[in-house]
C-alpha atoms as a PDB file:
ATOM      1  CA  MET A   1      -1.207  22.201  -2.700  1.00  0.00           C
ATOM      2  CA  GLU A   2       1.211  21.896  -5.605  1.00  0.00           C
ATOM      3  CA  LYS A   3       4.091  21.384  -3.163  1.00  0.00           C
ATOM      4  CA  THR A   4       2.209  18.502  -1.548  1.00  0.00           C
ATOM      5  CA  LEU A   5       1.444  17.002  -4.950  1.00  0.00           C
ATOM      6  CA  TYR A   6       5.094  17.345  -5.927  1.00  0.00           C
ATOM      7  CA  ARG A   7       6.211  15.376  -2.852  1.00  0.00           C
ATOM      8  CA  LEU A   8       3.686  12.656  -3.587  1.00  0.00           C
ATOM      9  CA  LEU A   9       4.748  12.415  -7.229  1.00  0.00           C
ATOM     10  CA  ARG A  10       8.409  12.202  -6.273  1.00  0.00           C
ATOM     11  CA  ALA A  11       7.694   8.870  -4.579  1.00  0.00           C
ATOM     12  CA  ARG A  12       7.365   7.236  -7.999  1.00  0.00           C
ATOM     13  CA  MET A  13       9.033   9.530 -10.563  1.00  0.00           C
ATOM     14  CA  SER A  14      11.950  11.882 -11.165  1.00  0.00           C
ATOM     15  CA  LYS A  15      11.966  15.602 -10.412  1.00  0.00           C
ATOM     16  CA  GLU A  16      11.584  16.433 -14.085  1.00  0.00           C
ATOM     17  CA  ASP A  17       8.583  14.159 -14.550  1.00  0.00           C
ATOM     18  CA  ALA A  18       6.941  15.468 -11.388  1.00  0.00           C
ATOM     19  CA  TRP A  19       7.194  19.048 -12.611  1.00  0.00           C
ATOM     20  CA  LYS A  20       5.876  17.984 -16.011  1.00  0.00           C
ATOM     21  CA  GLU A  21       2.759  16.608 -14.305  1.00  0.00           C
ATOM     22  CA  ILE A  22       2.272  19.865 -12.424  1.00  0.00           C
ATOM     23  CA  ASP A  23       2.832  21.964 -15.544  1.00  0.00           C
ATOM     24  CA  TYR A  24       0.292  19.819 -17.387  1.00  0.00           C
ATOM     25  CA  ASN A  25      -2.293  20.543 -14.675  1.00  0.00           C
ATOM     26  CA  ARG A  26      -1.595  24.249 -15.040  1.00  0.00           C
ATOM     27  CA  TYR A  27      -1.944  24.033 -18.801  1.00  0.00           C
ATOM     28  CA  MET A  28      -5.281  22.213 -18.586  1.00  0.00           C
ATOM     29  CA  SER A  29      -6.567  24.889 -16.195  1.00  0.00           C
ATOM     30  CA  THR A  30      -5.567  27.769 -18.499  1.00  0.00           C
ATOM     31  CA  GLU A  31      -7.625  26.539 -21.441  1.00  0.00           C
ATOM     32  CA  TYR A  32     -10.219  29.214 -20.729  1.00  0.00           C
ATOM     33  CA  GLY A  33      -8.025  31.820 -19.044  1.00  0.00           C
ATOM     34  CA  ASP A  34      -5.073  32.553 -16.770  1.00  0.00           C
ATOM     35  CA  TYR A  35      -5.169  30.876 -13.357  1.00  0.00           C
ATOM     36  CA  ARG A  36      -2.911  33.644 -11.976  1.00  0.00           C
ATOM     37  CA  THR A  37      -5.425  36.422 -12.657  1.00  0.00           C
ATOM     38  CA  GLU A  38      -8.863  34.814 -13.037  1.00  0.00           C
ATOM     39  CA  PRO A  39     -10.498  33.310  -9.887  1.00  0.00           C
ATOM     40  CA  GLU A  40     -12.603  30.754 -11.789  1.00  0.00           C
ATOM     41  CA  VAL A  41      -9.546  29.379 -13.550  1.00  0.00           C
ATOM     42  CA  ASP A  42      -7.656  29.310 -10.258  1.00  0.00           C
ATOM     43  CA  GLU A  43     -10.467  27.225  -8.728  1.00  0.00           C
ATOM     44  CA  SER A  44     -10.259  24.851 -11.678  1.00  0.00           C
ATOM     45  CA  LEU A  45      -6.540  24.404 -11.050  1.00  0.00           C
ATOM     46  CA  LYS A  46      -7.142  23.718  -7.356  1.00  0.00           C
ATOM     47  CA  ARG A  47      -9.715  21.058  -8.223  1.00  0.00           C
ATOM     48  CA  ASN A  48      -7.306  19.394 -10.638  1.00  0.00           C
ATOM     49  CA  VAL A  49      -4.504  19.415  -8.079  1.00  0.00           C
ATOM     50  CA  ALA A  50      -6.823  18.037  -5.378  1.00  0.00           C
ATOM     51  CA  TYR A  51      -7.881  15.238  -7.726  1.00  0.00           C
ATOM     52  CA  GLN A  52      -4.235  14.407  -8.470  1.00  0.00           C
ATOM     53  CA  ILE A  53      -3.383  14.378  -4.762  1.00  0.00           C
ATOM     54  CA  GLU A  54      -6.258  12.004  -4.037  1.00  0.00           C
ATOM     55  CA  ARG A  55      -5.146   9.721  -6.862  1.00  0.00           C
ATOM     56  CA  GLU A  56      -1.555   9.652  -5.601  1.00  0.00           C
ATOM     57  CA  ILE A  57      -2.658   8.930  -2.034  1.00  0.00           C
ATOM     58  CA  ASN A  58      -4.732   5.977  -3.251  1.00  0.00           C
ATOM     59  CA  ARG A  59      -1.843   4.811  -5.397  1.00  0.00           C
ATOM     60  CA  GLN A  60       0.562   4.818  -2.442  1.00  0.00           C
ATOM     61  CA  LEU A  61      -1.680   3.681   0.408  1.00  0.00           C
ATOM     62  CA  GLY A  62      -4.110   1.503  -1.540  1.00  0.00           C
ATOM     63  CA  VAL A  63      -1.541  -1.252  -2.096  1.00  0.00           C
ATOM     64  CA  GLN A  64      -1.423  -2.165   1.599  1.00  0.00           C
ATOM     65  CA  GLY A  65      -3.199  -5.238   2.886  1.00  0.00           C
ATOM     66  CA  VAL A  66      -6.037  -4.809   5.389  1.00  0.00           C
ATOM     67  CA  LEU A  67      -6.934  -7.705   7.687  1.00  0.00           C
ATOM     68  CA  SER A  68     -10.276  -7.168   9.422  1.00  0.00           C
ATOM     69  CA  PHE A  69     -11.388  -8.651  12.743  1.00  0.00           C
ATOM     70  CA  SER A  70     -14.206  -8.135  15.193  1.00  0.00           C
ATOM     71  CA  GLN A  71     -13.854  -8.092  18.962  1.00  0.00           C
ATOM     72  CA  THR A  72     -17.106 -10.031  19.365  1.00  0.00           C
ATOM     73  CA  TRP A  73     -18.604 -13.306  18.182  1.00  0.00           C
ATOM     74  CA  ARG A  74     -22.090 -12.439  19.529  1.00  0.00           C
ATOM     75  CA  SER A  75     -23.346 -10.151  16.749  1.00  0.00           C
ATOM     76  CA  GLY A  76     -26.361 -11.710  15.057  1.00  0.00           C
ATOM     77  CA  LEU A  77     -26.065  -9.258  12.150  1.00  0.00           C
ATOM     78  CA  MET A  78     -22.481 -10.299  11.479  1.00  0.00           C
ATOM     79  CA  TRP A  79     -23.425 -13.977  11.581  1.00  0.00           C
ATOM     80  CA  SER A  80     -26.079 -13.189   8.985  1.00  0.00           C
ATOM     81  CA  HIS A  81     -23.868 -11.011   6.759  1.00  0.00           C
ATOM     82  CA  TYR A  82     -20.529 -12.813   6.919  1.00  0.00           C
ATOM     83  CA  ALA A  83     -21.335 -16.409   7.885  1.00  0.00           C
ATOM     84  CA  ASP A  84     -24.054 -17.376   5.400  1.00  0.00           C
ATOM     85  CA  GLU A  85     -26.927 -16.702   7.814  1.00  0.00           C
ATOM     86  CA  HIS A  86     -25.406 -18.678  10.708  1.00  0.00           C
ATOM     87  CA  ARG A  87     -24.400 -21.627   8.484  1.00  0.00           C
ATOM     88  CA  GLY A  88     -20.695 -20.804   8.703  1.00  0.00           C
ATOM     89  CA  PHE A  89     -18.267 -20.472  11.573  1.00  0.00           C
ATOM     90  CA  CYS A  90     -16.258 -17.781  13.333  1.00  0.00           C
ATOM     91  CA  ILE A  91     -12.532 -18.184  14.038  1.00  0.00           C
ATOM     92  CA  GLU A  92     -11.117 -16.658  17.205  1.00  0.00           C
ATOM     93  CA  TYR A  93      -7.464 -15.570  17.373  1.00  0.00           C
ATOM     94  CA  ASP A  94      -5.189 -14.839  20.311  1.00  0.00           C
ATOM     95  CA  THR A  95      -3.532 -11.425  19.936  1.00  0.00           C
ATOM     96  CA  THR A  96      -1.573 -11.490  23.205  1.00  0.00           C
ATOM     97  CA  ASP A  97       1.228 -13.945  22.442  1.00  0.00           C
ATOM     98  CA  MET A  98       3.092 -11.769  19.906  1.00  0.00           C
ATOM     99  CA  ALA A  99       3.426  -8.121  18.921  1.00  0.00           C
ATOM    100  CA  HIS A 100       1.053  -6.668  16.318  1.00  0.00           C
ATOM    101  CA  PRO A 101       2.107  -3.012  15.975  1.00  0.00           C
ATOM    102  CA  ASN A 102      -0.455  -2.175  13.273  1.00  0.00           C
ATOM    103  CA  LEU A 103      -3.444  -3.791  14.989  1.00  0.00           C
ATOM    104  CA  ALA A 104      -5.877  -1.075  16.088  1.00  0.00           C
ATOM    105  CA  PRO A 105      -9.620  -0.496  16.536  1.00  0.00           C
ATOM    106  CA  VAL A 106     -11.623   1.228  13.828  1.00  0.00           C
ATOM    107  CA  SER A 107     -12.894   4.697  14.706  1.00  0.00           C
ATOM    108  CA  TYR A 108     -16.544   5.332  13.893  1.00  0.00           C
ATOM    109  CA  ARG A 109     -16.254   9.046  14.707  1.00  0.00           C
ATOM    110  CA  ALA A 110     -13.156   9.959  12.689  1.00  0.00           C
ATOM    111  CA  PRO A 111     -13.556  12.209   9.634  1.00  0.00           C
ATOM    112  CA  ARG A 112     -13.650  10.547   6.248  1.00  0.00           C
ATOM    113  CA  ALA A 113     -11.557  13.185   4.468  1.00  0.00           C
ATOM    114  CA  ILE A 114      -7.819  13.581   4.989  1.00  0.00           C
ATOM    115  CA  LYS A 115      -6.860  17.138   5.896  1.00  0.00           C
ATOM    116  CA  ALA A 116      -4.663  18.949   3.385  1.00  0.00           C
ATOM    117  CA  SER A 117      -2.743  20.504   6.284  1.00  0.00           C
ATOM    118  CA  ASP A 118      -1.848  17.030   7.598  1.00  0.00           C
ATOM    119  CA  LEU A 119      -0.676  15.933   4.164  1.00  0.00           C
ATOM    120  CA  TYR A 120       1.477  19.047   3.879  1.00  0.00           C
ATOM    121  CA  ALA A 121       2.957  18.568   7.359  1.00  0.00           C
ATOM    122  CA  TRP A 122       3.690  14.903   6.685  1.00  0.00           C
ATOM    123  CA  LYS A 123       5.186  15.176   3.219  1.00  0.00           C
ATOM    124  CA  LEU A 124       6.987  18.521   3.482  1.00  0.00           C
ATOM    125  CA  GLU A 125       7.771  18.863   7.182  1.00  0.00           C
ATOM    126  CA  LYS A 126       8.214  15.163   8.048  1.00  0.00           C
ATOM    127  CA  ASP A 127       5.736  15.517  10.913  1.00  0.00           C
ATOM    128  CA  ASP A 128       5.167  12.044  12.428  1.00  0.00           C
ATOM    129  CA  ALA A 129       1.994  13.099  14.248  1.00  0.00           C
ATOM    130  CA  ALA A 130       0.503  14.369  10.986  1.00  0.00           C
ATOM    131  CA  LYS A 131       1.496  11.131   9.252  1.00  0.00           C
ATOM    132  CA  LYS A 132      -0.308   9.118  11.935  1.00  0.00           C
ATOM    133  CA  ARG A 133      -3.455  11.209  11.509  1.00  0.00           C
ATOM    134  CA  VAL A 134      -3.384  10.631   7.742  1.00  0.00           C
ATOM    135  CA  LEU A 135      -2.901   6.869   8.097  1.00  0.00           C
ATOM    136  CA  ASP A 136      -5.525   6.588  10.842  1.00  0.00           C
ATOM    137  CA  THR A 137      -8.059   8.422   8.677  1.00  0.00           C
ATOM    138  CA  TYR A 138      -7.254   6.343   5.605  1.00  0.00           C
ATOM    139  CA  TYR A 139      -7.138   2.887   7.219  1.00  0.00           C
ATOM    140  CA  TYR A 140      -9.012   3.028  10.514  1.00  0.00           C
ATOM    141  CA  SER A 141     -12.085   5.223   9.928  1.00  0.00           C
ATOM    142  CA  LYS A 142     -15.576   4.035   9.073  1.00  0.00           C
ATOM    143  CA  SER A 143     -19.159   5.271   9.021  1.00  0.00           C
ATOM    144  CA  PRO A 144     -21.000   5.200  12.398  1.00  0.00           C
ATOM    145  CA  GLU A 145     -23.570   2.875  10.797  1.00  0.00           C
ATOM    146  CA  TRP A 146     -21.006   0.044  11.047  1.00  0.00           C
ATOM    147  CA  GLN A 147     -20.341   0.530  14.739  1.00  0.00           C
ATOM    148  CA  TYR A 148     -22.034  -2.746  15.680  1.00  0.00           C
ATOM    149  CA  GLU A 149     -19.161  -4.649  14.023  1.00  0.00           C
ATOM    150  CA  LYS A 150     -16.636  -3.478  16.654  1.00  0.00           C
ATOM    151  CA  GLU A 151     -13.989  -3.867  13.975  1.00  0.00           C
ATOM    152  CA  TRP A 152     -10.221  -4.026  14.427  1.00  0.00           C
ATOM    153  CA  ARG A 153      -7.769  -3.850  11.522  1.00  0.00           C
ATOM    154  CA  ASP A 154      -4.213  -4.962  10.957  1.00  0.00           C
ATOM    155  CA  ILE A 155      -2.325  -3.300   8.093  1.00  0.00           C
ATOM    156  CA  THR A 156       0.297  -5.289   6.171  1.00  0.00           C
ATOM    157  CA  PRO A 157       2.864  -3.975   3.646  1.00  0.00           C
ATOM    158  CA  ASP A 158       1.186  -5.657   0.676  1.00  0.00           C
ATOM    159  CA  HIS A 159      -2.151  -7.233  -0.184  1.00  0.00           C
ATOM    160  CA  GLY A 160      -3.168 -10.693  -1.364  1.00  0.00           C
ATOM    161  CA  LEU A 161      -3.681 -14.137   0.137  1.00  0.00           C
ATOM    162  CA  LYS A 162      -1.086 -15.057   2.744  1.00  0.00           C
ATOM    163  CA  GLY A 163      -0.691 -16.741   6.106  1.00  0.00           C
ATOM    164  CA  VAL A 164      -2.044 -15.047   9.213  1.00  0.00           C
ATOM    165  CA  GLU A 165       0.442 -14.323  11.991  1.00  0.00           C
ATOM    166  CA  TYR A 166      -2.099 -14.998  14.719  1.00  0.00           C
ATOM    167  CA  ARG A 167      -2.577 -18.100  16.833  1.00  0.00           C
ATOM    168  CA  MET A 168      -5.984 -19.677  16.430  1.00  0.00           C
ATOM    169  CA  SER A 169      -7.586 -20.122  19.847  1.00  0.00           C
ATOM    170  CA  ALA A 170     -11.199 -21.152  19.125  1.00  0.00           C
ATOM    171  CA  ILE A 171     -13.784 -21.898  16.458  1.00  0.00           C
ATOM    172  CA  HIS A 172     -17.436 -20.947  16.919  1.00  0.00           C
ATOM    173  CA  PHE A 173     -19.951 -22.903  14.842  1.00  0.00           C
ATOM    174  CA  GLY A 174     -23.106 -21.087  13.763  1.00  0.00           C
ATOM    175  CA  MET A 175     -26.484 -22.362  14.908  1.00  0.00           C
ATOM    176  CA  ARG A 176     -27.236 -23.614  11.366  1.00  0.00           C
ATOM    177  CA  CYS A 177     -23.775 -24.996  10.640  1.00  0.00           C
ATOM    178  CA  ASP A 178     -24.016 -28.424   9.017  1.00  0.00           C
ATOM    179  CA  ARG A 179     -22.852 -31.327  11.170  1.00  0.00           C
ATOM    180  CA  SER A 180     -20.674 -32.619   8.353  1.00  0.00           C
ATOM    181  CA  VAL A 181     -18.804 -29.291   8.282  1.00  0.00           C
ATOM    182  CA  MET A 182     -18.287 -29.386  12.035  1.00  0.00           C
ATOM    183  CA  SER A 183     -17.075 -32.980  12.037  1.00  0.00           C
ATOM    184  CA  SER A 184     -14.734 -32.334   9.116  1.00  0.00           C
ATOM    185  CA  ILE A 185     -13.124 -29.450  10.998  1.00  0.00           C
ATOM    186  CA  VAL A 186     -12.682 -31.666  14.055  1.00  0.00           C
ATOM    187  CA  LYS A 187     -10.939 -34.196  11.847  1.00  0.00           C
ATOM    188  CA  LEU A 188      -8.706 -31.510  10.315  1.00  0.00           C
ATOM    189  CA  LEU A 189      -7.651 -30.281  13.750  1.00  0.00           C
ATOM    190  CA  ASP A 190      -6.455 -33.809  14.541  1.00  0.00           C
ATOM    191  CA  ASN A 191      -7.147 -33.638  18.288  1.00  0.00           C
ATOM    192  CA  ASN A 192      -5.506 -30.235  18.720  1.00  0.00           C
ATOM    193  CA  ASP A 193      -6.776 -29.461  22.204  1.00  0.00           C
ATOM    194  CA  ASP A 194      -5.305 -25.942  22.164  1.00  0.00           C
ATOM    195  CA  ILE A 195      -8.206 -24.817  19.962  1.00  0.00           C
ATOM    196  CA  ASP A 196     -11.586 -24.707  21.706  1.00  0.00           C
ATOM    197  CA  LEU A 197     -14.717 -25.590  19.741  1.00  0.00           C
ATOM    198  CA  TYR A 198     -18.042 -23.932  20.556  1.00  0.00           C
ATOM    199  CA  ALA A 199     -21.608 -24.247  19.342  1.00  0.00           C
ATOM    200  CA  VAL A 200     -23.382 -20.875  19.186  1.00  0.00           C
ATOM    201  CA  TYR A 201     -27.133 -20.635  19.802  1.00  0.00           C
ATOM    202  CA  PRO A 202     -29.681 -18.063  21.037  1.00  0.00           C
ATOM    203  CA  ARG A 203     -30.915 -18.031  24.587  1.00  0.00           C
ATOM    204  CA  LYS A 204     -34.500 -19.114  25.092  1.00  0.00           C
ATOM    205  CA  THR A 205     -35.661 -15.914  26.768  1.00  0.00           C
ATOM    206  CA  THR A 206     -33.669 -13.303  24.781  1.00  0.00           C
ATOM    207  CA  PHE A 207     -32.123 -12.768  21.358  1.00  0.00           C
ATOM    208  CA  ARG A 208     -28.636 -12.689  22.858  1.00  0.00           C
ATOM    209  CA  LEU A 209     -26.309 -15.375  21.513  1.00  0.00           C
ATOM    210  CA  THR A 210     -24.512 -17.736  23.848  1.00  0.00           C
ATOM    211  CA  ARG A 211     -22.113 -20.654  23.403  1.00  0.00           C
ATOM    212  CA  GLU A 212     -21.085 -23.985  24.843  1.00  0.00           C
ATOM    213  CA  LEU A 213     -18.210 -26.369  24.233  1.00  0.00           C
ATOM    214  CA  VAL A 214     -18.992 -29.138  21.760  1.00  0.00           C
ATOM    215  CA  ASP A 215     -18.305 -32.841  22.229  1.00  0.00           C
ATOM    216  CA  ARG A 216     -15.297 -33.520  19.998  1.00  0.00           C
ATOM    217  CA  ASP A 217     -15.667 -37.296  20.191  1.00  0.00           C
ATOM    218  CA  GLU A 218     -19.280 -37.142  19.065  1.00  0.00           C
ATOM    219  CA  LEU A 219     -18.405 -34.907  16.115  1.00  0.00           C
ATOM    220  CA  ALA A 220     -15.391 -37.027  15.194  1.00  0.00           C
ATOM    221  CA  ALA A 221     -17.653 -40.072  15.008  1.00  0.00           C
ATOM    222  CA  LEU A 222     -19.723 -38.273  12.374  1.00  0.00           C
ATOM    223  CA  ALA A 223     -16.698 -37.311  10.288  1.00  0.00           C
ATOM    224  CA  ILE A 224     -16.772 -38.253   6.606  1.00  0.00           C
ATOM    225  CA  ARG A 225     -14.761 -41.406   6.078  1.00  0.00           C
ATOM    226  CA  GLU A 226     -13.054 -42.532   2.913  1.00  0.00           C
ATOM    227  CA  PRO A 227     -15.212 -44.910   0.841  1.00  0.00           C
ATOM    228  CA  GLY A 228     -14.216 -48.551   1.016  1.00  0.00           C
ATOM    229  CA  PHE A 229     -13.512 -48.911  -2.723  1.00  0.00           C
ATOM    230  CA  LEU A 230     -10.926 -46.115  -2.475  1.00  0.00           C
ATOM    231  CA  MET A 231      -9.224 -47.791   0.459  1.00  0.00           C
ATOM    232  CA  PHE A 232      -8.973 -51.124  -1.389  1.00  0.00           C
ATOM    233  CA  ARG A 233      -7.785 -49.383  -4.559  1.00  0.00           C
ATOM    234  CA  LYS A 234      -4.779 -48.183  -2.599  1.00  0.00           C
ATOM    235  CA  PHE A 235      -3.871 -51.794  -1.890  1.00  0.00           C
ATOM    236  CA  ASP A 236      -4.254 -52.712  -5.579  1.00  0.00           C
ATOM    237  CA  GLU A 237      -2.006 -49.862  -6.681  1.00  0.00           C
ATOM    238  CA  ALA A 238       0.586 -50.323  -3.950  1.00  0.00           C
ATOM    239  CA  GLU A 239       4.212 -50.989  -4.858  1.00  0.00           C
ATOM    240  CA  PRO A 240       5.212 -54.674  -4.599  1.00  0.00           C
ATOM    241  CA  SER A 241       7.010 -55.692  -1.456  1.00  0.00           C
ATOM    242  CA  PRO A 242      10.814 -55.701  -1.859  1.00  0.00           C
ATOM    243  CA  ILE A 243      10.843 -59.253  -0.492  1.00  0.00           C
ATOM    244  CA  LEU A 244       8.745 -60.491  -3.430  1.00  0.00           C
ATOM    245  CA  ALA A 245      10.149 -58.172  -6.049  1.00  0.00           C
ATOM    246  CA  GLU A 246      12.550 -60.823  -7.477  1.00  0.00           C
ATOM    247  CA  PRO A 247      11.099 -64.015  -9.103  1.00  0.00           C
ATOM    248  CA  VAL A 248      11.490 -67.222  -7.142  1.00  0.00           C
ATOM    249  CA  ASN A 249      13.426 -70.063  -8.869  1.00  0.00           C
ATOM    250  CA  ASP A 250      11.710 -73.277  -7.762  1.00  0.00           C
ATOM    251  CA  ASP A 251      14.379 -75.409  -9.476  1.00  0.00           C
ATOM    252  CA  SER A 252      17.219 -74.062  -7.413  1.00  0.00           C
ATOM    253  CA  ASP A 253      19.021 -76.454  -5.101  1.00  0.00           C
ATOM    254  CA  PRO A 254      18.600 -75.349  -1.504  1.00  0.00           C
ATOM    255  CA  THR A 255      21.929 -76.932  -0.703  1.00  0.00           C
END
């Protein structure tokens, strides 16, 4: 385990500092005895090393960005949890027009814990298969209770707000989405016909959600318009016309 910890520490510090960290762990474990001869002290050392390994893994892998999707727009629970109880909207993206090498489905059966043997094989033996198992467990595993989400994840090198490298293909409006929100989005799209707009509603005989295309022209007619006083203010504050910028001399002789 100490060899694995050493490899992890070397990613952010010198050899000397890495060994100092390991020696410090040994020292803390020998406060009540010798870890080389006393089993209880040895167990204490193992726990300390395991804690340090977990901390280093989170330090290295926790800085990545995780973009979460779902493969379905029909989940009533997700509309309730993530779209303000059907008042929001769901954006659909096309994933077929460009490569997304880190886009993969979440596993709801994978183990939560990363195996120490996989960490050892990855960091000390440069085993690519072991590395994949570690990354899959860390980024793409989730409790079976979340299986209804049918989640997919894309991993990016760093986290934070940034543009999405996916082409928007549709917007689904929740059954309680305000008309003003819908019309404003239509106005923002500016007649972009490549993006389909759907209204989502439940079927009359079942709880299953369905959808139908919305009338863009009808929604555009409801769009919020700029108040008249703001429009006229623009005229008042406009720059003078270049033609009238110079004063006219009425006394000048036209000849």
